[in-house]
Amino acid sequence: MGVQTHTIEQLTKELGKIVNSQEIQQLLVKMEERITKKEDEIKTRKALKFNRDKKDYELGRIYTFARKYNTLGA
């Protein structure tokens, strides 16, 4: 029985490694998908802001903010 018990324990450990490895791979895939989605959202938002600012510039809608005092400390 000792050999069978040892074999079962070894197979259980190996199976645990495989399951954990598969779970890790699934988590990595999900993480990559979430990162890609977030990157796409950021790129879209930045492109919209850029196009908005470009249009404002072309139409002469440029705002300047006059400062009452020097904020740089010089």
N, C-alpha and C. Protein backbone atom coordinates (compact mmCIF):
# COMPACT_ATOMS: atom_id res chain seq x y z
N MET A 1 0.80 -1.19 0.00
CA MET A 1 0.00 0.00 0.00
C MET A 1 0.85 1.26 0.00
N GLY A 2 2.04 1.18 0.49
CA GLY A 2 2.89 2.36 0.56
C GLY A 2 3.18 2.94 -0.81
N VAL A 3 3.45 2.07 -1.78
CA VAL A 3 3.77 2.52 -3.14
C VAL A 3 2.54 3.16 -3.78
N GLN A 4 1.38 2.56 -3.58
CA GLN A 4 0.14 3.10 -4.16
C GLN A 4 -0.19 4.46 -3.54
N THR A 5 -0.03 4.56 -2.24
CA THR A 5 -0.30 5.83 -1.55
C THR A 5 0.64 6.91 -2.06
N HIS A 6 1.91 6.55 -2.19
CA HIS A 6 2.90 7.51 -2.69
C HIS A 6 2.55 7.96 -4.11
N THR A 7 2.15 7.00 -4.96
CA THR A 7 1.79 7.31 -6.34
C THR A 7 0.57 8.23 -6.38
N ILE A 8 -0.42 7.93 -5.58
CA ILE A 8 -1.64 8.75 -5.53
C ILE A 8 -1.30 10.17 -5.07
N GLU A 9 -0.47 10.28 -4.04
CA GLU A 9 -0.08 11.60 -3.54
C GLU A 9 0.68 12.39 -4.61
N GLN A 10 1.57 11.70 -5.31
CA GLN A 10 2.35 12.36 -6.35
C GLN A 10 1.44 12.82 -7.49
N LEU A 11 0.52 11.96 -7.91
CA LEU A 11 -0.41 12.32 -8.97
C LEU A 11 -1.32 13.48 -8.54
N THR A 12 -1.72 13.48 -7.29
CA THR A 12 -2.56 14.57 -6.76
C THR A 12 -1.81 15.90 -6.82
N LYS A 13 -0.53 15.88 -6.45
CA LYS A 13 0.29 17.10 -6.51
C LYS A 13 0.43 17.59 -7.94
N GLU A 14 0.72 16.67 -8.86
CA GLU A 14 0.88 17.03 -10.26
C GLU A 14 -0.41 17.58 -10.84
N LEU A 15 -1.53 16.96 -10.49
CA LEU A 15 -2.83 17.43 -10.95
C LEU A 15 -3.10 18.83 -10.40
N GLY A 16 -2.75 19.04 -9.15
CA GLY A 16 -2.91 20.37 -8.54
C GLY A 16 -2.11 21.42 -9.27
N LYS A 17 -0.89 21.07 -9.69
CA LYS A 17 -0.06 22.01 -10.45
C LYS A 17 -0.70 22.34 -11.79
N ILE A 18 -1.24 21.33 -12.45
CA ILE A 18 -1.88 21.54 -13.75
C ILE A 18 -3.10 22.44 -13.60
N VAL A 19 -3.93 22.15 -12.62
CA VAL A 19 -5.13 22.96 -12.39
C VAL A 19 -4.73 24.39 -12.08
N ASN A 20 -3.78 24.57 -11.19
CA ASN A 20 -3.33 25.91 -10.86
C ASN A 20 -2.75 26.62 -12.07
N SER A 21 -2.01 25.88 -12.88
CA SER A 21 -1.42 26.45 -14.07
C SER A 21 -2.52 26.89 -15.04
N GLN A 22 -3.55 26.07 -15.20
CA GLN A 22 -4.66 26.42 -16.08
C GLN A 22 -5.41 27.64 -15.54
N GLU A 23 -5.61 27.67 -14.24
CA GLU A 23 -6.29 28.81 -13.63
C GLU A 23 -5.48 30.08 -13.83
N ILE A 24 -4.18 29.97 -13.66
CA ILE A 24 -3.31 31.13 -13.85
C ILE A 24 -3.38 31.60 -15.30
N GLN A 25 -3.34 30.68 -16.23
CA GLN A 25 -3.42 31.04 -17.64
C GLN A 25 -4.74 31.74 -17.94
N GLN A 26 -5.83 31.24 -17.37
CA GLN A 26 -7.14 31.87 -17.58
C GLN A 26 -7.15 33.28 -17.00
N LEU A 27 -6.57 33.43 -15.82
CA LEU A 27 -6.51 34.76 -15.21
C LEU A 27 -5.66 35.72 -16.04
N LEU A 28 -4.56 35.22 -16.58
CA LEU A 28 -3.70 36.05 -17.42
C LEU A 28 -4.43 36.49 -18.69
N VAL A 29 -5.18 35.57 -19.28
CA VAL A 29 -5.94 35.90 -20.49
C VAL A 29 -6.99 36.97 -20.17
N LYS A 30 -7.70 36.79 -19.06
CA LYS A 30 -8.71 37.78 -18.66
C LYS A 30 -8.06 39.13 -18.39
N MET A 31 -6.92 39.11 -17.73
CA MET A 31 -6.22 40.35 -17.42
C MET A 31 -5.79 41.06 -18.70
N GLU A 32 -5.26 40.32 -19.66
CA GLU A 32 -4.85 40.90 -20.94
C GLU A 32 -6.05 41.52 -21.65
N GLU A 33 -7.20 40.83 -21.60
CA GLU A 33 -8.40 41.35 -22.24
C GLU A 33 -8.83 42.66 -21.58
N ARG A 34 -8.79 42.70 -20.25
CA ARG A 34 -9.17 43.92 -19.53
C ARG A 34 -8.21 45.06 -19.83
N ILE A 35 -6.92 44.75 -19.90
CA ILE A 35 -5.92 45.79 -20.20
C ILE A 35 -6.14 46.33 -21.60
N THR A 36 -6.36 45.45 -22.56
CA THR A 36 -6.59 45.87 -23.94
C THR A 36 -7.84 46.73 -24.04
N LYS A 37 -8.89 46.33 -23.36
CA LYS A 37 -10.14 47.10 -23.37
C LYS A 37 -9.90 48.49 -22.77
N LYS A 38 -9.20 48.55 -21.65
CA LYS A 38 -8.93 49.84 -20.99
C LYS A 38 -8.06 50.72 -21.88
N GLU A 39 -7.05 50.13 -22.53
CA GLU A 39 -6.20 50.90 -23.44
C GLU A 39 -7.02 51.48 -24.58
N ASP A 40 -7.93 50.68 -25.14
CA ASP A 40 -8.79 51.16 -26.22
C ASP A 40 -9.68 52.31 -25.76
N GLU A 41 -10.23 52.19 -24.54
CA GLU A 41 -11.06 53.26 -23.99
C GLU A 41 -10.26 54.54 -23.83
N ILE A 42 -9.05 54.43 -23.33
CA ILE A 42 -8.19 55.60 -23.13
C ILE A 42 -7.83 56.24 -24.46
N LYS A 43 -7.46 55.42 -25.45
CA LYS A 43 -7.12 55.95 -26.77
C LYS A 43 -8.30 56.68 -27.39
N THR A 44 -9.49 56.10 -27.27
CA THR A 44 -10.69 56.72 -27.82
C THR A 44 -10.96 58.06 -27.14
N ARG A 45 -10.88 58.08 -25.82
CA ARG A 45 -11.13 59.31 -25.07
C ARG A 45 -10.11 60.39 -25.43
N LYS A 46 -8.84 60.02 -25.52
CA LYS A 46 -7.80 60.99 -25.86
C LYS A 46 -7.98 61.51 -27.29
N ALA A 47 -8.37 60.64 -28.22
CA ALA A 47 -8.60 61.07 -29.60
C ALA A 47 -9.76 62.06 -29.66
N LEU A 48 -10.83 61.79 -28.92
CA LEU A 48 -11.97 62.72 -28.89
C LEU A 48 -11.55 64.07 -28.32
N LYS A 49 -10.80 64.07 -27.25
CA LYS A 49 -10.34 65.33 -26.65
C LYS A 49 -9.41 66.08 -27.61
N PHE A 50 -8.52 65.35 -28.27
CA PHE A 50 -7.61 65.98 -29.22
C PHE A 50 -8.39 66.63 -30.35
N ASN A 51 -9.35 65.90 -30.91
CA ASN A 51 -10.15 66.44 -32.02
C ASN A 51 -10.96 67.65 -31.57
N ARG A 52 -11.48 67.62 -30.35
CA ARG A 52 -12.22 68.76 -29.80
C ARG A 52 -11.31 69.97 -29.68
N ASP A 53 -10.14 69.77 -29.11
CA ASP A 53 -9.20 70.88 -28.94
C ASP A 53 -8.70 71.41 -30.28
N LYS A 54 -8.47 70.52 -31.22
CA LYS A 54 -8.03 70.92 -32.56
C LYS A 54 -9.09 71.79 -33.23
N LYS A 55 -10.33 71.36 -33.12
CA LYS A 55 -11.43 72.13 -33.71
C LYS A 55 -11.54 73.50 -33.05
N ASP A 56 -11.45 73.55 -31.73
CA ASP A 56 -11.49 74.82 -31.02
C ASP A 56 -10.36 75.74 -31.49
N TYR A 57 -9.18 75.19 -31.66
CA TYR A 57 -8.03 75.98 -32.11
C TYR A 57 -8.27 76.52 -33.51
N GLU A 58 -8.78 75.66 -34.40
CA GLU A 58 -9.03 76.08 -35.78
C GLU A 58 -10.10 77.16 -35.86
N LEU A 59 -11.05 77.14 -34.94
CA LEU A 59 -12.12 78.14 -34.92
C LEU A 59 -11.76 79.36 -34.09
N GLY A 60 -10.56 79.38 -33.57
CA GLY A 60 -10.11 80.54 -32.80
C GLY A 60 -10.67 80.59 -31.39
N ARG A 61 -11.18 79.49 -30.92
CA ARG A 61 -11.71 79.44 -29.56
C ARG A 61 -10.61 78.99 -28.60
N ILE A 62 -9.66 79.88 -28.43
CA ILE A 62 -8.53 79.57 -27.56
C ILE A 62 -8.66 80.43 -26.32
N TYR A 63 -8.57 79.82 -25.21
CA TYR A 63 -8.74 80.53 -23.95
C TYR A 63 -7.38 80.75 -23.29
N THR A 64 -7.20 81.96 -22.82
CA THR A 64 -6.01 82.25 -22.03
C THR A 64 -6.48 82.71 -20.66
N PHE A 65 -5.81 82.29 -19.68
CA PHE A 65 -6.17 82.63 -18.31
C PHE A 65 -5.13 83.59 -17.76
N ALA A 66 -5.56 84.81 -17.50
CA ALA A 66 -4.64 85.81 -16.95
C ALA A 66 -4.44 85.52 -15.47
N ARG A 67 -3.20 85.55 -15.06
CA ARG A 67 -2.89 85.33 -13.65
C ARG A 67 -2.70 86.67 -12.97
N LYS A 68 -3.22 86.78 -11.79
CA LYS A 68 -3.11 88.02 -11.03
C LYS A 68 -1.76 88.14 -10.36
N TYR A 69 -1.11 87.03 -10.15
CA TYR A 69 0.18 87.03 -9.47
C TYR A 69 1.02 85.88 -10.01
N ASN A 70 2.28 85.95 -9.75
CA ASN A 70 3.22 84.94 -10.23
C ASN A 70 3.11 83.70 -9.34
N THR A 71 2.69 82.58 -9.93
CA THR A 71 2.52 81.35 -9.16
C THR A 71 3.79 80.50 -9.13
N LEU A 72 4.81 80.95 -9.85
CA LEU A 72 6.05 80.16 -9.90
C LEU A 72 6.99 80.50 -8.76
N GLY A 73 6.68 81.52 -8.00
CA GLY A 73 7.50 81.87 -6.86
C GLY A 73 8.73 82.68 -7.21
N ALA A 74 8.83 83.12 -8.46
CA ALA A 74 10.01 83.90 -8.88
C ALA A 74 9.75 85.39 -8.75
